[in-house]
Amino acid sequence: MLMIFLSLIRALIGPSAPDRVAAINIIGTKTLIIITLIARIYGQVYFLDIAMIYALMSFITTIGVAKYLEKGALD
């Protein structure tokens, strides 16, 4: 949770857009880990399905933002 909070601060005051994208990616990864731990603690497999969907959405978003930053537009 501390790492998520520190990454949120980095995302808010990051000096450049790639720094902010990296911070948001870290937040997504840590959230994924928390969801996976909740699945393990409660023994509920469907949380893993939610974690997989969340990971896919986070990855696609990161790729989209990186492409936008590189080219300046989404073609």
PDB file of N, CA and C in Angstrom:
ATOM      1  N   MET A   1       0.829  -1.190   0.000  1.00  0.00           N
ATOM      2  CA  MET A   1       0.000   0.000   0.000  1.00  0.00           C
ATOM      3  C   MET A   1       0.874   1.254   0.000  1.00  0.00           C
ATOM      4  N   LEU A   2       1.992   1.177   0.704  1.00  0.00           N
ATOM      5  CA  LEU A   2       2.902   2.323   0.734  1.00  0.00           C
ATOM      6  C   LEU A   2       3.457   2.602  -0.663  1.00  0.00           C
ATOM      7  N   MET A   3       3.791   1.551  -1.393  1.00  0.00           N
ATOM      8  CA  MET A   3       4.326   1.723  -2.745  1.00  0.00           C
ATOM      9  C   MET A   3       3.277   2.337  -3.678  1.00  0.00           C
ATOM     10  N   ILE A   4       2.018   1.954  -3.507  1.00  0.00           N
ATOM     11  CA  ILE A   4       0.951   2.549  -4.316  1.00  0.00           C
ATOM     12  C   ILE A   4       0.836   4.035  -4.011  1.00  0.00           C
ATOM     13  N   PHE A   5       0.897   4.378  -2.736  1.00  0.00           N
ATOM     14  CA  PHE A   5       0.805   5.784  -2.344  1.00  0.00           C
ATOM     15  C   PHE A   5       1.981   6.593  -2.893  1.00  0.00           C
ATOM     16  N   LEU A   6       3.191   6.046  -2.798  1.00  0.00           N
ATOM     17  CA  LEU A   6       4.364   6.754  -3.318  1.00  0.00           C
ATOM     18  C   LEU A   6       4.298   6.885  -4.843  1.00  0.00           C
ATOM     19  N   SER A   7       3.793   5.867  -5.507  1.00  0.00           N
ATOM     20  CA  SER A   7       3.641   5.944  -6.961  1.00  0.00           C
ATOM     21  C   SER A   7       2.577   6.955  -7.355  1.00  0.00           C
ATOM     22  N   LEU A   8       1.538   7.075  -6.546  1.00  0.00           N
ATOM     23  CA  LEU A   8       0.506   8.072  -6.812  1.00  0.00           C
ATOM     24  C   LEU A   8       1.081   9.483  -6.706  1.00  0.00           C
ATOM     25  N   ILE A   9       1.920   9.695  -5.720  1.00  0.00           N
ATOM     26  CA  ILE A   9       2.582  11.001  -5.592  1.00  0.00           C
ATOM     27  C   ILE A   9       3.458  11.259  -6.806  1.00  0.00           C
ATOM     28  N   ARG A  10       4.180  10.234  -7.246  1.00  0.00           N
ATOM     29  CA  ARG A  10       5.042  10.371  -8.422  1.00  0.00           C
ATOM     30  C   ARG A  10       4.221  10.662  -9.677  1.00  0.00           C
ATOM     31  N   ALA A  11       3.050  10.038  -9.774  1.00  0.00           N
ATOM     32  CA  ALA A  11       2.194  10.273 -10.941  1.00  0.00           C
ATOM     33  C   ALA A  11       1.649  11.700 -10.941  1.00  0.00           C
ATOM     34  N   LEU A  12       1.393  12.233  -9.771  1.00  0.00           N
ATOM     35  CA  LEU A  12       0.843  13.580  -9.695  1.00  0.00           C
ATOM     36  C   LEU A  12       1.884  14.666  -9.953  1.00  0.00           C
ATOM     37  N   ILE A  13       3.111  14.476  -9.460  1.00  0.00           N
ATOM     38  CA  ILE A  13       4.120  15.524  -9.585  1.00  0.00           C
ATOM     39  C   ILE A  13       5.254  15.142 -10.534  1.00  0.00           C
ATOM     40  N   GLY A  14       5.087  14.043 -11.267  1.00  0.00           N
ATOM     41  CA  GLY A  14       6.139  13.602 -12.180  1.00  0.00           C
ATOM     42  C   GLY A  14       6.543  14.695 -13.149  1.00  0.00           C
ATOM     43  N   PRO A  15       7.834  14.877 -13.357  1.00  0.00           N
ATOM     44  CA  PRO A  15       8.269  15.961 -14.237  1.00  0.00           C
ATOM     45  C   PRO A  15       7.950  15.725 -15.714  1.00  0.00           C
ATOM     46  N   SER A  16       7.781  14.478 -16.106  1.00  0.00           N
ATOM     47  CA  SER A  16       7.498  14.219 -17.524  1.00  0.00           C
ATOM     48  C   SER A  16       6.396  13.168 -17.651  1.00  0.00           C
ATOM     49  N   ALA A  17       5.842  13.095 -18.839  1.00  0.00           N
ATOM     50  CA  ALA A  17       4.761  12.143 -19.092  1.00  0.00           C
ATOM     51  C   ALA A  17       5.206  10.682 -18.961  1.00  0.00           C
ATOM     52  N   PRO A  18       6.397  10.294 -19.450  1.00  0.00           N
ATOM     53  CA  PRO A  18       6.818   8.901 -19.250  1.00  0.00           C
ATOM     54  C   PRO A  18       6.962   8.514 -17.777  1.00  0.00           C
ATOM     55  N   ASP A  19       7.373   9.460 -16.946  1.00  0.00           N
ATOM     56  CA  ASP A  19       7.440   9.182 -15.506  1.00  0.00           C
ATOM     57  C   ASP A  19       6.054   8.899 -14.953  1.00  0.00           C
ATOM     58  N   ARG A  20       5.079   9.647 -15.408  1.00  0.00           N
ATOM     59  CA  ARG A  20       3.706   9.445 -14.951  1.00  0.00           C
ATOM     60  C   ARG A  20       3.152   8.121 -15.442  1.00  0.00           C
ATOM     61  N   VAL A  21       3.455   7.759 -16.679  1.00  0.00           N
ATOM     62  CA  VAL A  21       2.999   6.477 -17.212  1.00  0.00           C
ATOM     63  C   VAL A  21       3.617   5.327 -16.421  1.00  0.00           C
ATOM     64  N   ALA A  22       4.885   5.418 -16.115  1.00  0.00           N
ATOM     65  CA  ALA A  22       5.547   4.376 -15.325  1.00  0.00           C
ATOM     66  C   ALA A  22       4.931   4.271 -13.931  1.00  0.00           C
ATOM     67  N   ALA A  23       4.610   5.401 -13.323  1.00  0.00           N
ATOM     68  CA  ALA A  23       3.993   5.390 -11.994  1.00  0.00           C
ATOM     69  C   ALA A  23       2.607   4.756 -12.036  1.00  0.00           C
ATOM     70  N   ILE A  24       1.831   5.073 -13.052  1.00  0.00           N
ATOM     71  CA  ILE A  24       0.509   4.477 -13.192  1.00  0.00           C
ATOM     72  C   ILE A  24       0.623   2.973 -13.438  1.00  0.00           C
ATOM     73  N   ASN A  25       1.620   2.562 -14.194  1.00  0.00           N
ATOM     74  CA  ASN A  25       1.847   1.140 -14.438  1.00  0.00           C
ATOM     75  C   ASN A  25       2.215   0.419 -13.139  1.00  0.00           C
ATOM     76  N   ILE A  26       3.014   1.047 -12.305  1.00  0.00           N
ATOM     77  CA  ILE A  26       3.368   0.466 -11.011  1.00  0.00           C
ATOM     78  C   ILE A  26       2.125   0.322 -10.140  1.00  0.00           C
ATOM     79  N   ILE A  27       1.265   1.338 -10.144  1.00  0.00           N
ATOM     80  CA  ILE A  27       0.024   1.268  -9.368  1.00  0.00           C
ATOM     81  C   ILE A  27      -0.833   0.101  -9.851  1.00  0.00           C
ATOM     82  N   GLY A  28      -0.931  -0.068 -11.166  1.00  0.00           N
ATOM     83  CA  GLY A  28      -1.700  -1.178 -11.721  1.00  0.00           C
ATOM     84  C   GLY A  28      -1.138  -2.526 -11.325  1.00  0.00           C
ATOM     85  N   THR A  29       0.186  -2.649 -11.349  1.00  0.00           N
ATOM     86  CA  THR A  29       0.825  -3.907 -10.978  1.00  0.00           C
ATOM     87  C   THR A  29       0.609  -4.224  -9.508  1.00  0.00           C
ATOM     88  N   LYS A  30       0.749  -3.242  -8.663  1.00  0.00           N
ATOM     89  CA  LYS A  30       0.536  -3.461  -7.223  1.00  0.00           C
ATOM     90  C   LYS A  30      -0.915  -3.796  -6.921  1.00  0.00           C
ATOM     91  N   THR A  31      -1.852  -3.181  -7.632  1.00  0.00           N
ATOM     92  CA  THR A  31      -3.262  -3.499  -7.461  1.00  0.00           C
ATOM     93  C   THR A  31      -3.526  -4.942  -7.879  1.00  0.00           C
ATOM     94  N   LEU A  32      -2.890  -5.365  -8.950  1.00  0.00           N
ATOM     95  CA  LEU A  32      -3.013  -6.742  -9.411  1.00  0.00           C
ATOM     96  C   LEU A  32      -2.507  -7.720  -8.351  1.00  0.00           C
ATOM     97  N   ILE A  33      -1.415  -7.393  -7.709  1.00  0.00           N
ATOM     98  CA  ILE A  33      -0.868  -8.237  -6.653  1.00  0.00           C
ATOM     99  C   ILE A  33      -1.833  -8.311  -5.473  1.00  0.00           C
ATOM    100  N   ILE A  34      -2.436  -7.186  -5.120  1.00  0.00           N
ATOM    101  CA  ILE A  34      -3.399  -7.173  -4.008  1.00  0.00           C
ATOM    102  C   ILE A  34      -4.616  -8.039  -4.338  1.00  0.00           C
ATOM    103  N   ILE A  35      -5.129  -7.946  -5.561  1.00  0.00           N
ATOM    104  CA  ILE A  35      -6.270  -8.770  -5.962  1.00  0.00           C
ATOM    105  C   ILE A  35      -5.904 -10.253  -5.906  1.00  0.00           C
ATOM    106  N   THR A  36      -4.705 -10.583  -6.350  1.00  0.00           N
ATOM    107  CA  THR A  36      -4.252 -11.972  -6.317  1.00  0.00           C
ATOM    108  C   THR A  36      -4.112 -12.474  -4.884  1.00  0.00           C
ATOM    109  N   LEU A  37      -3.602 -11.651  -3.997  1.00  0.00           N
ATOM    110  CA  LEU A  37      -3.499 -12.040  -2.588  1.00  0.00           C
ATOM    111  C   LEU A  37      -4.879 -12.229  -1.956  1.00  0.00           C
ATOM    112  N   ILE A  38      -5.814 -11.382  -2.314  1.00  0.00           N
ATOM    113  CA  ILE A  38      -7.184 -11.542  -1.811  1.00  0.00           C
ATOM    114  C   ILE A  38      -7.766 -12.873  -2.302  1.00  0.00           C
ATOM    115  N   ALA A  39      -7.485 -13.216  -3.552  1.00  0.00           N
ATOM    116  CA  ALA A  39      -7.958 -14.501  -4.089  1.00  0.00           C
ATOM    117  C   ALA A  39      -7.357 -15.658  -3.304  1.00  0.00           C
ATOM    118  N   ARG A  40      -6.105 -15.542  -2.968  1.00  0.00           N
ATOM    119  CA  ARG A  40      -5.434 -16.606  -2.208  1.00  0.00           C
ATOM    120  C   ARG A  40      -5.968 -16.704  -0.787  1.00  0.00           C
ATOM    121  N   ILE A  41      -6.167 -15.566  -0.143  1.00  0.00           N
ATOM    122  CA  ILE A  41      -6.640 -15.560   1.243  1.00  0.00           C
ATOM    123  C   ILE A  41      -8.046 -16.136   1.355  1.00  0.00           C
ATOM    124  N   TYR A  42      -8.939 -15.704   0.471  1.00  0.00           N
ATOM    125  CA  TYR A  42     -10.325 -16.156   0.539  1.00  0.00           C
ATOM    126  C   TYR A  42     -10.583 -17.446  -0.227  1.00  0.00           C
ATOM    127  N   GLY A  43      -9.610 -17.892  -1.002  1.00  0.00           N
ATOM    128  CA  GLY A  43      -9.765 -19.135  -1.748  1.00  0.00           C
ATOM    129  C   GLY A  43     -10.811 -19.060  -2.842  1.00  0.00           C
ATOM    130  N   GLN A  44     -11.005 -17.890  -3.396  1.00  0.00           N
ATOM    131  CA  GLN A  44     -12.000 -17.679  -4.444  1.00  0.00           C
ATOM    132  C   GLN A  44     -11.291 -17.530  -5.794  1.00  0.00           C
ATOM    133  N   VAL A  45     -11.554 -18.459  -6.689  1.00  0.00           N
ATOM    134  CA  VAL A  45     -10.865 -18.483  -7.973  1.00  0.00           C
ATOM    135  C   VAL A  45     -11.313 -17.330  -8.872  1.00  0.00           C
ATOM    136  N   TYR A  46     -12.549 -16.876  -8.729  1.00  0.00           N
ATOM    137  CA  TYR A  46     -13.033 -15.839  -9.638  1.00  0.00           C
ATOM    138  C   TYR A  46     -12.295 -14.514  -9.465  1.00  0.00           C
ATOM    139  N   PHE A  47     -11.651 -14.304  -8.331  1.00  0.00           N
ATOM    140  CA  PHE A  47     -10.817 -13.115  -8.171  1.00  0.00           C
ATOM    141  C   PHE A  47      -9.639 -13.144  -9.147  1.00  0.00           C
ATOM    142  N   LEU A  48      -9.159 -14.332  -9.454  1.00  0.00           N
ATOM    143  CA  LEU A  48      -8.063 -14.451 -10.422  1.00  0.00           C
ATOM    144  C   LEU A  48      -8.527 -14.068 -11.825  1.00  0.00           C
ATOM    145  N   ASP A  49      -9.774 -14.379 -12.143  1.00  0.00           N
ATOM    146  CA  ASP A  49     -10.324 -13.940 -13.429  1.00  0.00           C
ATOM    147  C   ASP A  49     -10.377 -12.418 -13.492  1.00  0.00           C
ATOM    148  N   ILE A  50     -10.800 -11.816 -12.408  1.00  0.00           N
ATOM    149  CA  ILE A  50     -10.842 -10.353 -12.343  1.00  0.00           C
ATOM    150  C   ILE A  50      -9.435  -9.781 -12.461  1.00  0.00           C
ATOM    151  N   ALA A  51      -8.467 -10.422 -11.809  1.00  0.00           N
ATOM    152  CA  ALA A  51      -7.080  -9.961 -11.875  1.00  0.00           C
ATOM    153  C   ALA A  51      -6.533 -10.051 -13.297  1.00  0.00           C
ATOM    154  N   MET A  52      -6.882 -11.122 -14.015  1.00  0.00           N
ATOM    155  CA  MET A  52      -6.411 -11.265 -15.391  1.00  0.00           C
ATOM    156  C   MET A  52      -7.004 -10.185 -16.295  1.00  0.00           C
ATOM    157  N   ILE A  53      -8.279  -9.897 -16.132  1.00  0.00           N
ATOM    158  CA  ILE A  53      -8.915  -8.842 -16.930  1.00  0.00           C
ATOM    159  C   ILE A  53      -8.303  -7.488 -16.590  1.00  0.00           C
ATOM    160  N   TYR A  54      -8.065  -7.246 -15.304  1.00  0.00           N
ATOM    161  CA  TYR A  54      -7.458  -5.992 -14.882  1.00  0.00           C
ATOM    162  C   TYR A  54      -6.044  -5.845 -15.451  1.00  0.00           C
ATOM    163  N   ALA A  55      -5.284  -6.937 -15.452  1.00  0.00           N
ATOM    164  CA  ALA A  55      -3.927  -6.892 -16.001  1.00  0.00           C
ATOM    165  C   ALA A  55      -3.950  -6.590 -17.493  1.00  0.00           C
ATOM    166  N   LEU A  56      -4.887  -7.193 -18.213  1.00  0.00           N
ATOM    167  CA  LEU A  56      -5.002  -6.946 -19.647  1.00  0.00           C
ATOM    168  C   LEU A  56      -5.368  -5.494 -19.922  1.00  0.00           C
ATOM    169  N   MET A  57      -6.325  -4.969 -19.166  1.00  0.00           N
ATOM    170  CA  MET A  57      -6.725  -3.573 -19.352  1.00  0.00           C
ATOM    171  C   MET A  57      -5.564  -2.620 -19.023  1.00  0.00           C
ATOM    172  N   SER A  58      -4.831  -2.915 -17.973  1.00  0.00           N
ATOM    173  CA  SER A  58      -3.698  -2.072 -17.591  1.00  0.00           C
ATOM    174  C   SER A  58      -2.620  -2.093 -18.668  1.00  0.00           C
ATOM    175  N   PHE A  59      -2.338  -3.272 -19.213  1.00  0.00           N
ATOM    176  CA  PHE A  59      -1.321  -3.399 -20.256  1.00  0.00           C
ATOM    177  C   PHE A  59      -1.726  -2.640 -21.512  1.00  0.00           C
ATOM    178  N   ILE A  60      -2.962  -2.814 -21.939  1.00  0.00           N
ATOM    179  CA  ILE A  60      -3.429  -2.136 -23.152  1.00  0.00           C
ATOM    180  C   ILE A  60      -3.415  -0.623 -22.962  1.00  0.00           C
ATOM    181  N   THR A  61      -3.805  -0.160 -21.797  1.00  0.00           N
ATOM    182  CA  THR A  61      -3.783   1.272 -21.517  1.00  0.00           C
ATOM    183  C   THR A  61      -2.361   1.819 -21.555  1.00  0.00           C
ATOM    184  N   THR A  62      -1.427   1.103 -20.956  1.00  0.00           N
ATOM    185  CA  THR A  62      -0.033   1.544 -20.958  1.00  0.00           C
ATOM    186  C   THR A  62       0.528   1.608 -22.375  1.00  0.00           C
ATOM    187  N   ILE A  63       0.226   0.604 -23.177  1.00  0.00           N
ATOM    188  CA  ILE A  63       0.695   0.595 -24.562  1.00  0.00           C
ATOM    189  C   ILE A  63       0.066   1.753 -25.341  1.00  0.00           C
ATOM    190  N   GLY A  64      -1.218   1.987 -25.142  1.00  0.00           N
ATOM    191  CA  GLY A  64      -1.896   3.084 -25.833  1.00  0.00           C
ATOM    192  C   GLY A  64      -1.332   4.443 -25.473  1.00  0.00           C
ATOM    193  N   VAL A  65      -1.082   4.670 -24.199  1.00  0.00           N
ATOM    194  CA  VAL A  65      -0.521   5.955 -23.773  1.00  0.00           C
ATOM    195  C   VAL A  65       0.902   6.108 -24.290  1.00  0.00           C
ATOM    196  N   ALA A  66       1.687   5.035 -24.254  1.00  0.00           N
ATOM    197  CA  ALA A  66       3.053   5.106 -24.771  1.00  0.00           C
ATOM    198  C   ALA A  66       3.063   5.412 -26.264  1.00  0.00           C
ATOM    199  N   LYS A  67       2.152   4.795 -27.012  1.00  0.00           N
ATOM    200  CA  LYS A  67       2.068   5.074 -28.449  1.00  0.00           C
ATOM    201  C   LYS A  67       1.658   6.524 -28.691  1.00  0.00           C
ATOM    202  N   TYR A  68       0.716   7.012 -27.900  1.00  0.00           N
ATOM    203  CA  TYR A  68       0.290   8.395 -28.027  1.00  0.00           C
ATOM    204  C   TYR A  68       1.434   9.356 -27.728  1.00  0.00           C
ATOM    205  N   LEU A  69       2.217   9.073 -26.693  1.00  0.00           N
ATOM    206  CA  LEU A  69       3.342   9.931 -26.350  1.00  0.00           C
ATOM    207  C   LEU A  69       4.430   9.889 -27.421  1.00  0.00           C
ATOM    208  N   GLU A  70       4.594   8.733 -28.045  1.00  0.00           N
ATOM    209  CA  GLU A  70       5.629   8.593 -29.065  1.00  0.00           C
ATOM    210  C   GLU A  70       5.267   9.301 -30.364  1.00  0.00           C
ATOM    211  N   LYS A  71       4.041   9.101 -30.827  1.00  0.00           N
ATOM    212  CA  LYS A  71       3.642   9.634 -32.131  1.00  0.00           C
ATOM    213  C   LYS A  71       2.832  10.928 -32.042  1.00  0.00           C
ATOM    214  N   GLY A  72       2.229  11.177 -30.915  1.00  0.00           N
ATOM    215  CA  GLY A  72       1.427  12.381 -30.754  1.00  0.00           C
ATOM    216  C   GLY A  72      -0.021  12.204 -31.129  1.00  0.00           C
ATOM    217  N   ALA A  73      -0.377  11.029 -31.661  1.00  0.00           N
ATOM    218  CA  ALA A  73      -1.775  10.763 -32.024  1.00  0.00           C
ATOM    219  C   ALA A  73      -1.968   9.256 -32.102  1.00  0.00           C
ATOM    220  N   LEU A  74      -3.188   8.830 -31.889  1.00  0.00           N
ATOM    221  CA  LEU A  74      -3.509   7.415 -32.011  1.00  0.00           C
ATOM    222  C   LEU A  74      -4.073   7.152 -33.397  1.00  0.00           C
ATOM    223  N   ASP A  75      -3.299   6.479 -34.232  1.00  0.00           N
ATOM    224  CA  ASP A  75      -3.746   6.152 -35.584  1.00  0.00           C
ATOM    225  C   ASP A  75      -4.337   4.767 -35.637  1.00  0.00           C
TER     226      ASP A  75
END
